[in-house]
Amino acid sequence: MSESRSIDLHNCTVNEAIREFVRFYNTCVCSGYHGRLEVIHGYGSSGSGGGIKQELRSYLKAHEDTFGAFLAGESLRNPGVTILYPGDTPAAMPLGAGADLNSLRNSMRNKRR
């Protein structure tokens, strides 16, 4: 079985969830991790998909050059997750998200030395 890492975005607002996902993704990329990432976002109480799920997948599609393809959990019979494999490039932090990407890259470089 392949290695997997996950993040649970329940109890976040949509904006917080996107920022937390990007932080998680960048931490994985900068540490050299290339295994499966499981993003747990829930399926939404309305039955049509929760806000985090919809926004996360829209964000992934809009930044496909960074994130590549992803697998919607519906194909795994779990609409509350999204699966992806990180590439080699960290993602740009959404505006107003706090720590900037250059600080993260420098921090990870210093840890490797």
PDB file of N, CA and C in Angstrom:
ATOM      1  N   MET A   1       0.845  -1.185   0.000  1.00  0.00           N
ATOM      2  CA  MET A   1       0.000   0.000   0.000  1.00  0.00           C
ATOM      3  C   MET A   1       0.885   1.242   0.000  1.00  0.00           C
ATOM      4  N   SER A   2       0.533   2.229  -0.785  1.00  0.00           N
ATOM      5  CA  SER A   2       1.361   3.429  -0.880  1.00  0.00           C
ATOM      6  C   SER A   2       1.133   4.364   0.304  1.00  0.00           C
ATOM      7  N   GLU A   3       2.143   5.157   0.568  1.00  0.00           N
ATOM      8  CA  GLU A   3       2.074   6.134   1.646  1.00  0.00           C
ATOM      9  C   GLU A   3       1.001   7.171   1.334  1.00  0.00           C
ATOM     10  N   SER A   4       0.362   7.678   2.380  1.00  0.00           N
ATOM     11  CA  SER A   4      -0.688   8.669   2.203  1.00  0.00           C
ATOM     12  C   SER A   4      -0.631   9.686   3.332  1.00  0.00           C
ATOM     13  N   ARG A   5      -0.936  10.921   2.996  1.00  0.00           N
ATOM     14  CA  ARG A   5      -1.072  11.984   3.997  1.00  0.00           C
ATOM     15  C   ARG A   5      -2.425  12.626   3.794  1.00  0.00           C
ATOM     16  N   SER A   6      -3.004  13.102   4.883  1.00  0.00           N
ATOM     17  CA  SER A   6      -4.332  13.700   4.751  1.00  0.00           C
ATOM     18  C   SER A   6      -4.447  14.956   5.587  1.00  0.00           C
ATOM     19  N   ILE A   7      -5.430  15.764   5.193  1.00  0.00           N
ATOM     20  CA  ILE A   7      -5.800  16.964   5.935  1.00  0.00           C
ATOM     21  C   ILE A   7      -7.318  16.977   6.020  1.00  0.00           C
ATOM     22  N   ASP A   8      -7.814  17.320   7.183  1.00  0.00           N
ATOM     23  CA  ASP A   8      -9.258  17.397   7.415  1.00  0.00           C
ATOM     24  C   ASP A   8      -9.642  18.871   7.503  1.00  0.00           C
ATOM     25  N   LEU A   9     -10.491  19.309   6.596  1.00  0.00           N
ATOM     26  CA  LEU A   9     -10.875  20.718   6.516  1.00  0.00           C
ATOM     27  C   LEU A   9     -12.247  20.997   7.138  1.00  0.00           C
ATOM     28  N   HIS A  10     -12.821  20.015   7.818  1.00  0.00           N
ATOM     29  CA  HIS A  10     -14.073  20.262   8.536  1.00  0.00           C
ATOM     30  C   HIS A  10     -13.848  21.401   9.536  1.00  0.00           C
ATOM     31  N   ASN A  11     -14.861  22.115   9.847  1.00  0.00           N
ATOM     32  CA  ASN A  11     -14.838  23.222  10.820  1.00  0.00           C
ATOM     33  C   ASN A  11     -14.044  24.428  10.351  1.00  0.00           C
ATOM     34  N   CYS A  12     -13.700  24.497   9.087  1.00  0.00           N
ATOM     35  CA  CYS A  12     -13.053  25.686   8.508  1.00  0.00           C
ATOM     36  C   CYS A  12     -14.086  26.439   7.686  1.00  0.00           C
ATOM     37  N   THR A  13     -13.871  27.731   7.549  1.00  0.00           N
ATOM     38  CA  THR A  13     -14.641  28.466   6.548  1.00  0.00           C
ATOM     39  C   THR A  13     -14.045  28.085   5.199  1.00  0.00           C
ATOM     40  N   VAL A  14     -14.712  28.448   4.122  1.00  0.00           N
ATOM     41  CA  VAL A  14     -14.198  28.124   2.791  1.00  0.00           C
ATOM     42  C   VAL A  14     -12.822  28.757   2.589  1.00  0.00           C
ATOM     43  N   ASN A  15     -12.669  30.037   2.934  1.00  0.00           N
ATOM     44  CA  ASN A  15     -11.373  30.709   2.749  1.00  0.00           C
ATOM     45  C   ASN A  15     -10.282  30.078   3.605  1.00  0.00           C
ATOM     46  N   GLU A  16     -10.601  29.766   4.851  1.00  0.00           N
ATOM     47  CA  GLU A  16      -9.626  29.105   5.725  1.00  0.00           C
ATOM     48  C   GLU A  16      -9.227  27.745   5.157  1.00  0.00           C
ATOM     49  N   ALA A  17     -10.207  27.025   4.634  1.00  0.00           N
ATOM     50  CA  ALA A  17      -9.941  25.691   4.091  1.00  0.00           C
ATOM     51  C   ALA A  17      -8.979  25.752   2.909  1.00  0.00           C
ATOM     52  N   ILE A  18      -9.166  26.701   2.017  1.00  0.00           N
ATOM     53  CA  ILE A  18      -8.268  26.821   0.866  1.00  0.00           C
ATOM     54  C   ILE A  18      -6.865  27.166   1.340  1.00  0.00           C
ATOM     55  N   ARG A  19      -6.746  28.105   2.270  1.00  0.00           N
ATOM     56  CA  ARG A  19      -5.422  28.474   2.796  1.00  0.00           C
ATOM     57  C   ARG A  19      -4.755  27.294   3.492  1.00  0.00           C
ATOM     58  N   GLU A  20      -5.508  26.563   4.310  1.00  0.00           N
ATOM     59  CA  GLU A  20      -4.945  25.407   5.013  1.00  0.00           C
ATOM     60  C   GLU A  20      -4.517  24.324   4.033  1.00  0.00           C
ATOM     61  N   PHE A  21      -5.323  24.114   2.999  1.00  0.00           N
ATOM     62  CA  PHE A  21      -4.950  23.141   1.978  1.00  0.00           C
ATOM     63  C   PHE A  21      -3.635  23.542   1.309  1.00  0.00           C
ATOM     64  N   VAL A  22      -3.492  24.813   0.924  1.00  0.00           N
ATOM     65  CA  VAL A  22      -2.266  25.268   0.257  1.00  0.00           C
ATOM     66  C   VAL A  22      -1.063  25.118   1.188  1.00  0.00           C
ATOM     67  N   ARG A  23      -1.219  25.457   2.454  1.00  0.00           N
ATOM     68  CA  ARG A  23      -0.116  25.260   3.423  1.00  0.00           C
ATOM     69  C   ARG A  23       0.285  23.791   3.499  1.00  0.00           C
ATOM     70  N   PHE A  24      -0.712  22.919   3.618  1.00  0.00           N
ATOM     71  CA  PHE A  24      -0.485  21.475   3.688  1.00  0.00           C
ATOM     72  C   PHE A  24       0.223  20.989   2.420  1.00  0.00           C
ATOM     73  N   TYR A  25      -0.294  21.376   1.272  1.00  0.00           N
ATOM     74  CA  TYR A  25       0.272  20.975  -0.021  1.00  0.00           C
ATOM     75  C   TYR A  25       1.729  21.431  -0.123  1.00  0.00           C
ATOM     76  N   ASN A  26       1.986  22.693   0.208  1.00  0.00           N
ATOM     77  CA  ASN A  26       3.347  23.229   0.102  1.00  0.00           C
ATOM     78  C   ASN A  26       4.304  22.544   1.066  1.00  0.00           C
ATOM     79  N   THR A  27       3.841  22.229   2.244  1.00  0.00           N
ATOM     80  CA  THR A  27       4.684  21.497   3.198  1.00  0.00           C
ATOM     81  C   THR A  27       5.066  20.133   2.619  1.00  0.00           C
ATOM     82  N   CYS A  28       4.111  19.456   2.012  1.00  0.00           N
ATOM     83  CA  CYS A  28       4.394  18.160   1.391  1.00  0.00           C
ATOM     84  C   CYS A  28       5.387  18.309   0.237  1.00  0.00           C
ATOM     85  N   VAL A  29       5.153  19.269  -0.637  1.00  0.00           N
ATOM     86  CA  VAL A  29       6.039  19.485  -1.791  1.00  0.00           C
ATOM     87  C   VAL A  29       7.447  19.849  -1.339  1.00  0.00           C
ATOM     88  N   CYS A  30       7.555  20.784  -0.418  1.00  0.00           N
ATOM     89  CA  CYS A  30       8.870  21.261   0.016  1.00  0.00           C
ATOM     90  C   CYS A  30       9.648  20.200   0.800  1.00  0.00           C
ATOM     91  N   SER A  31       8.949  19.213   1.344  1.00  0.00           N
ATOM     92  CA  SER A  31       9.642  18.128   2.049  1.00  0.00           C
ATOM     93  C   SER A  31       9.994  16.977   1.111  1.00  0.00           C
ATOM     94  N   GLY A  32       9.606  17.105  -0.165  1.00  0.00           N
ATOM     95  CA  GLY A  32       9.924  16.075  -1.148  1.00  0.00           C
ATOM     96  C   GLY A  32       8.932  14.921  -1.190  1.00  0.00           C
ATOM     97  N   TYR A  33       7.803  15.079  -0.538  1.00  0.00           N
ATOM     98  CA  TYR A  33       6.789  14.024  -0.521  1.00  0.00           C
ATOM     99  C   TYR A  33       6.057  13.980  -1.859  1.00  0.00           C
ATOM    100  N   HIS A  34       5.892  12.784  -2.430  1.00  0.00           N
ATOM    101  CA  HIS A  34       5.192  12.633  -3.706  1.00  0.00           C
ATOM    102  C   HIS A  34       4.108  11.564  -3.658  1.00  0.00           C
ATOM    103  N   GLY A  35       3.722  11.163  -2.459  1.00  0.00           N
ATOM    104  CA  GLY A  35       2.672  10.157  -2.314  1.00  0.00           C
ATOM    105  C   GLY A  35       1.282  10.761  -2.413  1.00  0.00           C
ATOM    106  N   ARG A  36       0.326   9.968  -2.075  1.00  0.00           N
ATOM    107  CA  ARG A  36      -1.089  10.354  -2.170  1.00  0.00           C
ATOM    108  C   ARG A  36      -1.451  11.373  -1.094  1.00  0.00           C
ATOM    109  N   LEU A  37      -2.181  12.396  -1.507  1.00  0.00           N
ATOM    110  CA  LEU A  37      -2.741  13.385  -0.576  1.00  0.00           C
ATOM    111  C   LEU A  37      -4.252  13.200  -0.562  1.00  0.00           C
ATOM    112  N   GLU A  38      -4.795  13.088   0.621  1.00  0.00           N
ATOM    113  CA  GLU A  38      -6.239  12.955   0.776  1.00  0.00           C
ATOM    114  C   GLU A  38      -6.748  14.198   1.490  1.00  0.00           C
ATOM    115  N   VAL A  39      -7.621  14.925   0.815  1.00  0.00           N
ATOM    116  CA  VAL A  39      -8.201  16.133   1.391  1.00  0.00           C
ATOM    117  C   VAL A  39      -9.628  15.794   1.816  1.00  0.00           C
ATOM    118  N   ILE A  40      -9.849  15.826   3.110  1.00  0.00           N
ATOM    119  CA  ILE A  40     -11.165  15.500   3.665  1.00  0.00           C
ATOM    120  C   ILE A  40     -11.918  16.812   3.860  1.00  0.00           C
ATOM    121  N   HIS A  41     -12.993  16.976   3.118  1.00  0.00           N
ATOM    122  CA  HIS A  41     -13.740  18.236   3.157  1.00  0.00           C
ATOM    123  C   HIS A  41     -15.206  18.047   3.469  1.00  0.00           C
ATOM    124  N   GLY A  42     -15.664  16.816   3.507  1.00  0.00           N
ATOM    125  CA  GLY A  42     -17.076  16.565   3.715  1.00  0.00           C
ATOM    126  C   GLY A  42     -17.843  16.679   2.404  1.00  0.00           C
ATOM    127  N   TYR A  43     -19.071  16.231   2.426  1.00  0.00           N
ATOM    128  CA  TYR A  43     -19.887  16.253   1.208  1.00  0.00           C
ATOM    129  C   TYR A  43     -20.978  17.297   1.252  1.00  0.00           C
ATOM    130  N   GLY A  44     -21.122  17.977   2.356  1.00  0.00           N
ATOM    131  CA  GLY A  44     -22.121  19.038   2.459  1.00  0.00           C
ATOM    132  C   GLY A  44     -23.459  18.522   2.939  1.00  0.00           C
ATOM    133  N   SER A  45     -24.089  19.277   3.785  1.00  0.00           N
ATOM    134  CA  SER A  45     -25.363  18.849   4.362  1.00  0.00           C
ATOM    135  C   SER A  45     -26.531  19.018   3.396  1.00  0.00           C
ATOM    136  N   SER A  46     -26.336  19.801   2.328  1.00  0.00           N
ATOM    137  CA  SER A  46     -27.429  20.039   1.384  1.00  0.00           C
ATOM    138  C   SER A  46     -27.614  18.882   0.416  1.00  0.00           C
ATOM    139  N   GLY A  47     -26.634  18.005   0.327  1.00  0.00           N
ATOM    140  CA  GLY A  47     -26.720  16.893  -0.617  1.00  0.00           C
ATOM    141  C   GLY A  47     -26.177  17.235  -1.989  1.00  0.00           C
ATOM    142  N   SER A  48     -25.971  18.518  -2.272  1.00  0.00           N
ATOM    143  CA  SER A  48     -25.452  18.924  -3.583  1.00  0.00           C
ATOM    144  C   SER A  48     -23.968  19.256  -3.533  1.00  0.00           C
ATOM    145  N   GLY A  49     -23.344  19.039  -2.415  1.00  0.00           N
ATOM    146  CA  GLY A  49     -21.915  19.336  -2.289  1.00  0.00           C
ATOM    147  C   GLY A  49     -21.714  20.559  -1.439  1.00  0.00           C
ATOM    148  N   GLY A  50     -20.856  20.438  -0.455  1.00  0.00           N
ATOM    149  CA  GLY A  50     -20.583  21.550   0.442  1.00  0.00           C
ATOM    150  C   GLY A  50     -19.737  22.619  -0.216  1.00  0.00           C
ATOM    151  N   GLY A  51     -19.701  23.773   0.420  1.00  0.00           N
ATOM    152  CA  GLY A  51     -18.946  24.908  -0.109  1.00  0.00           C
ATOM    153  C   GLY A  51     -17.455  24.629  -0.201  1.00  0.00           C
ATOM    154  N   ILE A  52     -16.897  23.968   0.807  1.00  0.00           N
ATOM    155  CA  ILE A  52     -15.456  23.675   0.778  1.00  0.00           C
ATOM    156  C   ILE A  52     -15.139  22.736  -0.378  1.00  0.00           C
ATOM    157  N   LYS A  53     -15.908  21.695  -0.536  1.00  0.00           N
ATOM    158  CA  LYS A  53     -15.697  20.734  -1.621  1.00  0.00           C
ATOM    159  C   LYS A  53     -15.746  21.436  -2.978  1.00  0.00           C
ATOM    160  N   GLN A  54     -16.785  22.221  -3.186  1.00  0.00           N
ATOM    161  CA  GLN A  54     -16.948  22.902  -4.470  1.00  0.00           C
ATOM    162  C   GLN A  54     -15.822  23.892  -4.729  1.00  0.00           C
ATOM    163  N   GLU A  55     -15.476  24.696  -3.736  1.00  0.00           N
ATOM    164  CA  GLU A  55     -14.424  25.697  -3.916  1.00  0.00           C
ATOM    165  C   GLU A  55     -13.047  25.061  -4.072  1.00  0.00           C
ATOM    166  N   LEU A  56     -12.770  24.003  -3.305  1.00  0.00           N
ATOM    167  CA  LEU A  56     -11.486  23.319  -3.427  1.00  0.00           C
ATOM    168  C   LEU A  56     -11.311  22.767  -4.829  1.00  0.00           C
ATOM    169  N   ARG A  57     -12.308  22.101  -5.328  1.00  0.00           N
ATOM    170  CA  ARG A  57     -12.198  21.513  -6.671  1.00  0.00           C
ATOM    171  C   ARG A  57     -12.121  22.587  -7.750  1.00  0.00           C
ATOM    172  N   SER A  58     -12.823  23.675  -7.576  1.00  0.00           N
ATOM    173  CA  SER A  58     -12.700  24.793  -8.524  1.00  0.00           C
ATOM    174  C   SER A  58     -11.298  25.375  -8.476  1.00  0.00           C
ATOM    175  N   TYR A  59     -10.751  25.501  -7.277  1.00  0.00           N
ATOM    176  CA  TYR A  59      -9.390  26.026  -7.095  1.00  0.00           C
ATOM    177  C   TYR A  59      -8.370  25.097  -7.754  1.00  0.00           C
ATOM    178  N   LEU A  60      -8.530  23.796  -7.554  1.00  0.00           N
ATOM    179  CA  LEU A  60      -7.613  22.831  -8.170  1.00  0.00           C
ATOM    180  C   LEU A  60      -7.686  22.904  -9.693  1.00  0.00           C
ATOM    181  N   LYS A  61      -8.885  23.019 -10.240  1.00  0.00           N
ATOM    182  CA  LYS A  61      -9.046  23.127 -11.701  1.00  0.00           C
ATOM    183  C   LYS A  61      -8.420  24.413 -12.230  1.00  0.00           C
ATOM    184  N   ALA A  62      -8.631  25.511 -11.510  1.00  0.00           N
ATOM    185  CA  ALA A  62      -8.108  26.813 -11.948  1.00  0.00           C
ATOM    186  C   ALA A  62      -6.581  26.861 -11.897  1.00  0.00           C
ATOM    187  N   HIS A  63      -5.977  26.009 -11.069  1.00  0.00           N
ATOM    188  CA  HIS A  63      -4.518  25.988 -10.913  1.00  0.00           C
ATOM    189  C   HIS A  63      -3.961  24.619 -11.301  1.00  0.00           C
ATOM    190  N   GLU A  64      -4.526  24.065 -12.353  1.00  0.00           N
ATOM    191  CA  GLU A  64      -4.162  22.733 -12.817  1.00  0.00           C
ATOM    192  C   GLU A  64      -2.680  22.621 -13.178  1.00  0.00           C
ATOM    193  N   ASP A  65      -2.081  23.724 -13.615  1.00  0.00           N
ATOM    194  CA  ASP A  65      -0.659  23.698 -13.967  1.00  0.00           C
ATOM    195  C   ASP A  65       0.214  23.436 -12.744  1.00  0.00           C
ATOM    196  N   THR A  66      -0.245  23.781 -11.560  1.00  0.00           N
ATOM    197  CA  THR A  66       0.481  23.514 -10.315  1.00  0.00           C
ATOM    198  C   THR A  66       0.077  22.179  -9.719  1.00  0.00           C
ATOM    199  N   PHE A  67      -1.221  21.929  -9.611  1.00  0.00           N
ATOM    200  CA  PHE A  67      -1.715  20.765  -8.888  1.00  0.00           C
ATOM    201  C   PHE A  67      -1.885  19.519  -9.741  1.00  0.00           C
ATOM    202  N   GLY A  68      -1.993  19.669 -11.060  1.00  0.00           N
ATOM    203  CA  GLY A  68      -2.225  18.512 -11.916  1.00  0.00           C
ATOM    204  C   GLY A  68      -3.637  17.981 -11.752  1.00  0.00           C
ATOM    205  N   ALA A  69      -3.800  16.737 -12.117  1.00  0.00           N
ATOM    206  CA  ALA A  69      -5.121  16.113 -12.042  1.00  0.00           C
ATOM    207  C   ALA A  69      -5.427  15.707 -10.608  1.00  0.00           C
ATOM    208  N   PHE A  70      -6.703  15.670 -10.308  1.00  0.00           N
ATOM    209  CA  PHE A  70      -7.146  15.192  -9.004  1.00  0.00           C
ATOM    210  C   PHE A  70      -8.271  14.201  -9.216  1.00  0.00           C
ATOM    211  N   LEU A  71      -8.526  13.419  -8.195  1.00  0.00           N
ATOM    212  CA  LEU A  71      -9.564  12.411  -8.260  1.00  0.00           C
ATOM    213  C   LEU A  71     -10.674  12.785  -7.283  1.00  0.00           C
ATOM    214  N   ALA A  72     -11.866  12.989  -7.815  1.00  0.00           N
ATOM    215  CA  ALA A  72     -13.026  13.283  -6.964  1.00  0.00           C
ATOM    216  C   ALA A  72     -13.404  12.019  -6.213  1.00  0.00           C
ATOM    217  N   GLY A  73     -13.666  12.152  -4.935  1.00  0.00           N
ATOM    218  CA  GLY A  73     -13.985  11.005  -4.101  1.00  0.00           C
ATOM    219  C   GLY A  73     -15.218  10.237  -4.527  1.00  0.00           C
ATOM    220  N   GLU A  74     -16.085  10.846  -5.309  1.00  0.00           N
ATOM    221  CA  GLU A  74     -17.279  10.157  -5.777  1.00  0.00           C
ATOM    222  C   GLU A  74     -16.911   8.877  -6.522  1.00  0.00           C
ATOM    223  N   SER A  75     -15.794   8.900  -7.242  1.00  0.00           N
ATOM    224  CA  SER A  75     -15.382   7.701  -7.977  1.00  0.00           C
ATOM    225  C   SER A  75     -14.897   6.602  -7.033  1.00  0.00           C
ATOM    226  N   LEU A  76     -14.630   6.965  -5.784  1.00  0.00           N
ATOM    227  CA  LEU A  76     -14.235   6.001  -4.755  1.00  0.00           C
ATOM    228  C   LEU A  76     -15.381   5.739  -3.781  1.00  0.00           C
ATOM    229  N   ARG A  77     -16.556   6.238  -4.146  1.00  0.00           N
ATOM    230  CA  ARG A  77     -17.763   6.124  -3.315  1.00  0.00           C
ATOM    231  C   ARG A  77     -17.647   6.894  -2.007  1.00  0.00           C
ATOM    232  N   ASN A  78     -16.860   7.973  -2.052  1.00  0.00           N
ATOM    233  CA  ASN A  78     -16.746   8.848  -0.880  1.00  0.00           C
ATOM    234  C   ASN A  78     -16.715  10.299  -1.362  1.00  0.00           C
ATOM    235  N   PRO A  79     -17.866  10.938  -1.499  1.00  0.00           N
ATOM    236  CA  PRO A  79     -17.910  12.300  -2.016  1.00  0.00           C
ATOM    237  C   PRO A  79     -17.322  13.342  -1.063  1.00  0.00           C
ATOM    238  N   GLY A  80     -16.921  12.920   0.120  1.00  0.00           N
ATOM    239  CA  GLY A  80     -16.372  13.851   1.102  1.00  0.00           C
ATOM    240  C   GLY A  80     -14.869  14.016   1.042  1.00  0.00           C
ATOM    241  N   VAL A  81     -14.220  13.433   0.014  1.00  0.00           N
ATOM    242  CA  VAL A  81     -12.763  13.562  -0.122  1.00  0.00           C
ATOM    243  C   VAL A  81     -12.385  13.902  -1.552  1.00  0.00           C
ATOM    244  N   THR A  82     -11.186  14.453  -1.678  1.00  0.00           N
ATOM    245  CA  THR A  82     -10.555  14.674  -2.973  1.00  0.00           C
ATOM    246  C   THR A  82      -9.127  14.153  -2.838  1.00  0.00           C
ATOM    247  N   ILE A  83      -8.665  13.422  -3.848  1.00  0.00           N
ATOM    248  CA  ILE A  83      -7.342  12.797  -3.831  1.00  0.00           C
ATOM    249  C   ILE A  83      -6.474  13.440  -4.906  1.00  0.00           C
ATOM    250  N   LEU A  84      -5.211  13.719  -4.563  1.00  0.00           N
ATOM    251  CA  LEU A  84      -4.264  14.187  -5.557  1.00  0.00           C
ATOM    252  C   LEU A  84      -2.856  13.778  -5.161  1.00  0.00           C
ATOM    253  N   TYR A  85      -1.953  13.870  -6.109  1.00  0.00           N
ATOM    254  CA  TYR A  85      -0.538  13.587  -5.886  1.00  0.00           C
ATOM    255  C   TYR A  85       0.230  14.870  -6.150  1.00  0.00           C
ATOM    256  N   PRO A  86       1.044  15.311  -5.201  1.00  0.00           N
ATOM    257  CA  PRO A  86       1.728  16.593  -5.367  1.00  0.00           C
ATOM    258  C   PRO A  86       2.768  16.549  -6.470  1.00  0.00           C
ATOM    259  N   GLY A  87       2.925  17.692  -7.123  1.00  0.00           N
ATOM    260  CA  GLY A  87       3.966  17.853  -8.124  1.00  0.00           C
ATOM    261  C   GLY A  87       5.247  18.313  -7.470  1.00  0.00           C
ATOM    262  N   ASP A  88       6.070  18.981  -8.250  1.00  0.00           N
ATOM    263  CA  ASP A  88       7.355  19.462  -7.754  1.00  0.00           C
ATOM    264  C   ASP A  88       7.347  20.932  -7.384  1.00  0.00           C
ATOM    265  N   THR A  89       6.278  21.642  -7.743  1.00  0.00           N
ATOM    266  CA  THR A  89       6.232  23.083  -7.561  1.00  0.00           C
ATOM    267  C   THR A  89       5.261  23.467  -6.453  1.00  0.00           C
ATOM    268  N   PRO A  90       5.711  24.242  -5.466  1.00  0.00           N
ATOM    269  CA  PRO A  90       4.780  24.732  -4.448  1.00  0.00           C
ATOM    270  C   PRO A  90       3.722  25.641  -5.084  1.00  0.00           C
ATOM    271  N   ALA A  91       2.603  25.723  -4.440  1.00  0.00           N
ATOM    272  CA  ALA A  91       1.502  26.564  -4.911  1.00  0.00           C
ATOM    273  C   ALA A  91       1.627  27.958  -4.327  1.00  0.00           C
ATOM    274  N   ALA A  92       1.190  28.936  -5.088  1.00  0.00           N
ATOM    275  CA  ALA A  92       1.145  30.308  -4.585  1.00  0.00           C
ATOM    276  C   ALA A  92       0.048  30.400  -3.534  1.00  0.00           C
ATOM    277  N   MET A  93       0.346  31.066  -2.448  1.00  0.00           N
ATOM    278  CA  MET A  93      -0.635  31.233  -1.377  1.00  0.00           C
ATOM    279  C   MET A  93      -1.712  32.211  -1.848  1.00  0.00           C
ATOM    280  N   PRO A  94      -2.979  31.886  -1.633  1.00  0.00           N
ATOM    281  CA  PRO A  94      -4.044  32.828  -1.995  1.00  0.00           C
ATOM    282  C   PRO A  94      -3.833  34.161  -1.275  1.00  0.00           C
ATOM    283  N   LEU A  95      -4.268  35.230  -1.876  1.00  0.00           N
ATOM    284  CA  LEU A  95      -4.093  36.560  -1.287  1.00  0.00           C
ATOM    285  C   LEU A  95      -4.657  36.617   0.126  1.00  0.00           C
ATOM    286  N   GLY A  96      -3.924  37.299   0.996  1.00  0.00           N
ATOM    287  CA  GLY A  96      -4.368  37.465   2.369  1.00  0.00           C
ATOM    288  C   GLY A  96      -4.247  36.215   3.214  1.00  0.00           C
ATOM    289  N   ALA A  97      -3.398  35.281   2.797  1.00  0.00           N
ATOM    290  CA  ALA A  97      -3.331  33.996   3.486  1.00  0.00           C
ATOM    291  C   ALA A  97      -2.276  33.915   4.563  1.00  0.00           C
ATOM    292  N   GLY A  98      -1.537  34.939   4.814  1.00  0.00           N
ATOM    293  CA  GLY A  98      -0.537  34.872   5.878  1.00  0.00           C
ATOM    294  C   GLY A  98       0.857  34.667   5.330  1.00  0.00           C
ATOM    295  N   ALA A  99       1.544  33.650   5.836  1.00  0.00           N
ATOM    296  CA  ALA A  99       2.948  33.413   5.478  1.00  0.00           C
ATOM    297  C   ALA A  99       3.128  33.333   3.972  1.00  0.00           C
ATOM    298  N   ASP A 100       4.134  34.038   3.465  1.00  0.00           N
ATOM    299  CA  ASP A 100       4.333  34.028   2.026  1.00  0.00           C
ATOM    300  C   ASP A 100       5.159  32.818   1.604  1.00  0.00           C
ATOM    301  N   LEU A 101       5.044  32.480   0.335  1.00  0.00           N
ATOM    302  CA  LEU A 101       5.664  31.289  -0.217  1.00  0.00           C
ATOM    303  C   LEU A 101       7.177  31.329  -0.131  1.00  0.00           C
ATOM    304  N   ASN A 102       7.793  32.488  -0.338  1.00  0.00           N
ATOM    305  CA  ASN A 102       9.250  32.572  -0.265  1.00  0.00           C
ATOM    306  C   ASN A 102       9.757  32.228   1.130  1.00  0.00           C
ATOM    307  N   SER A 103       9.049  32.632   2.155  1.00  0.00           N
ATOM    308  CA  SER A 103       9.440  32.285   3.522  1.00  0.00           C
ATOM    309  C   SER A 103       9.389  30.778   3.719  1.00  0.00           C
ATOM    310  N   LEU A 104       8.364  30.144   3.184  1.00  0.00           N
ATOM    311  CA  LEU A 104       8.235  28.701   3.290  1.00  0.00           C
ATOM    312  C   LEU A 104       9.377  28.009   2.558  1.00  0.00           C
ATOM    313  N   ARG A 105       9.670  28.425   1.339  1.00  0.00           N
ATOM    314  CA  ARG A 105      10.765  27.821   0.571  1.00  0.00           C
ATOM    315  C   ARG A 105      12.093  27.969   1.306  1.00  0.00           C
ATOM    316  N   ASN A 106      12.376  29.168   1.805  1.00  0.00           N
ATOM    317  CA  ASN A 106      13.634  29.398   2.519  1.00  0.00           C
ATOM    318  C   ASN A 106      13.720  28.538   3.766  1.00  0.00           C
ATOM    319  N   SER A 107      12.628  28.414   4.475  1.00  0.00           N
ATOM    320  CA  SER A 107      12.597  27.591   5.676  1.00  0.00           C
ATOM    321  C   SER A 107      12.907  26.142   5.342  1.00  0.00           C
ATOM    322  N   MET A 108      12.288  25.618   4.275  1.00  0.00           N
ATOM    323  CA  MET A 108      12.511  24.236   3.894  1.00  0.00           C
ATOM    324  C   MET A 108      13.944  24.020   3.397  1.00  0.00           C
ATOM    325  N   ARG A 109      14.518  24.984   2.677  1.00  0.00           N
ATOM    326  CA  ARG A 109      15.903  24.871   2.217  1.00  0.00           C
ATOM    327  C   ARG A 109      16.857  24.813   3.395  1.00  0.00           C
ATOM    328  N   ASN A 110      16.617  25.666   4.391  1.00  0.00           N
ATOM    329  CA  ASN A 110      17.488  25.695   5.561  1.00  0.00           C
ATOM    330  C   ASN A 110      17.418  24.384   6.349  1.00  0.00           C
ATOM    331  N   LYS A 111      16.266  23.729   6.376  1.00  0.00           N
ATOM    332  CA  LYS A 111      16.134  22.462   7.088  1.00  0.00           C
ATOM    333  C   LYS A 111      16.937  21.360   6.411  1.00  0.00           C
ATOM    334  N   ARG A 112      17.067  21.441   5.071  1.00  0.00           N
ATOM    335  CA  ARG A 112      17.791  20.418   4.324  1.00  0.00           C
ATOM    336  C   ARG A 112      19.305  20.543   4.498  1.00  0.00           C
ATOM    337  N   ARG A 113      19.778  21.708   4.885  1.00  0.00           N
ATOM    338  CA  ARG A 113      21.234  21.936   5.012  1.00  0.00           C
ATOM    339  C   ARG A 113      21.798  21.382   6.238  1.00  0.00           C
TER     340      ARG A 113
END
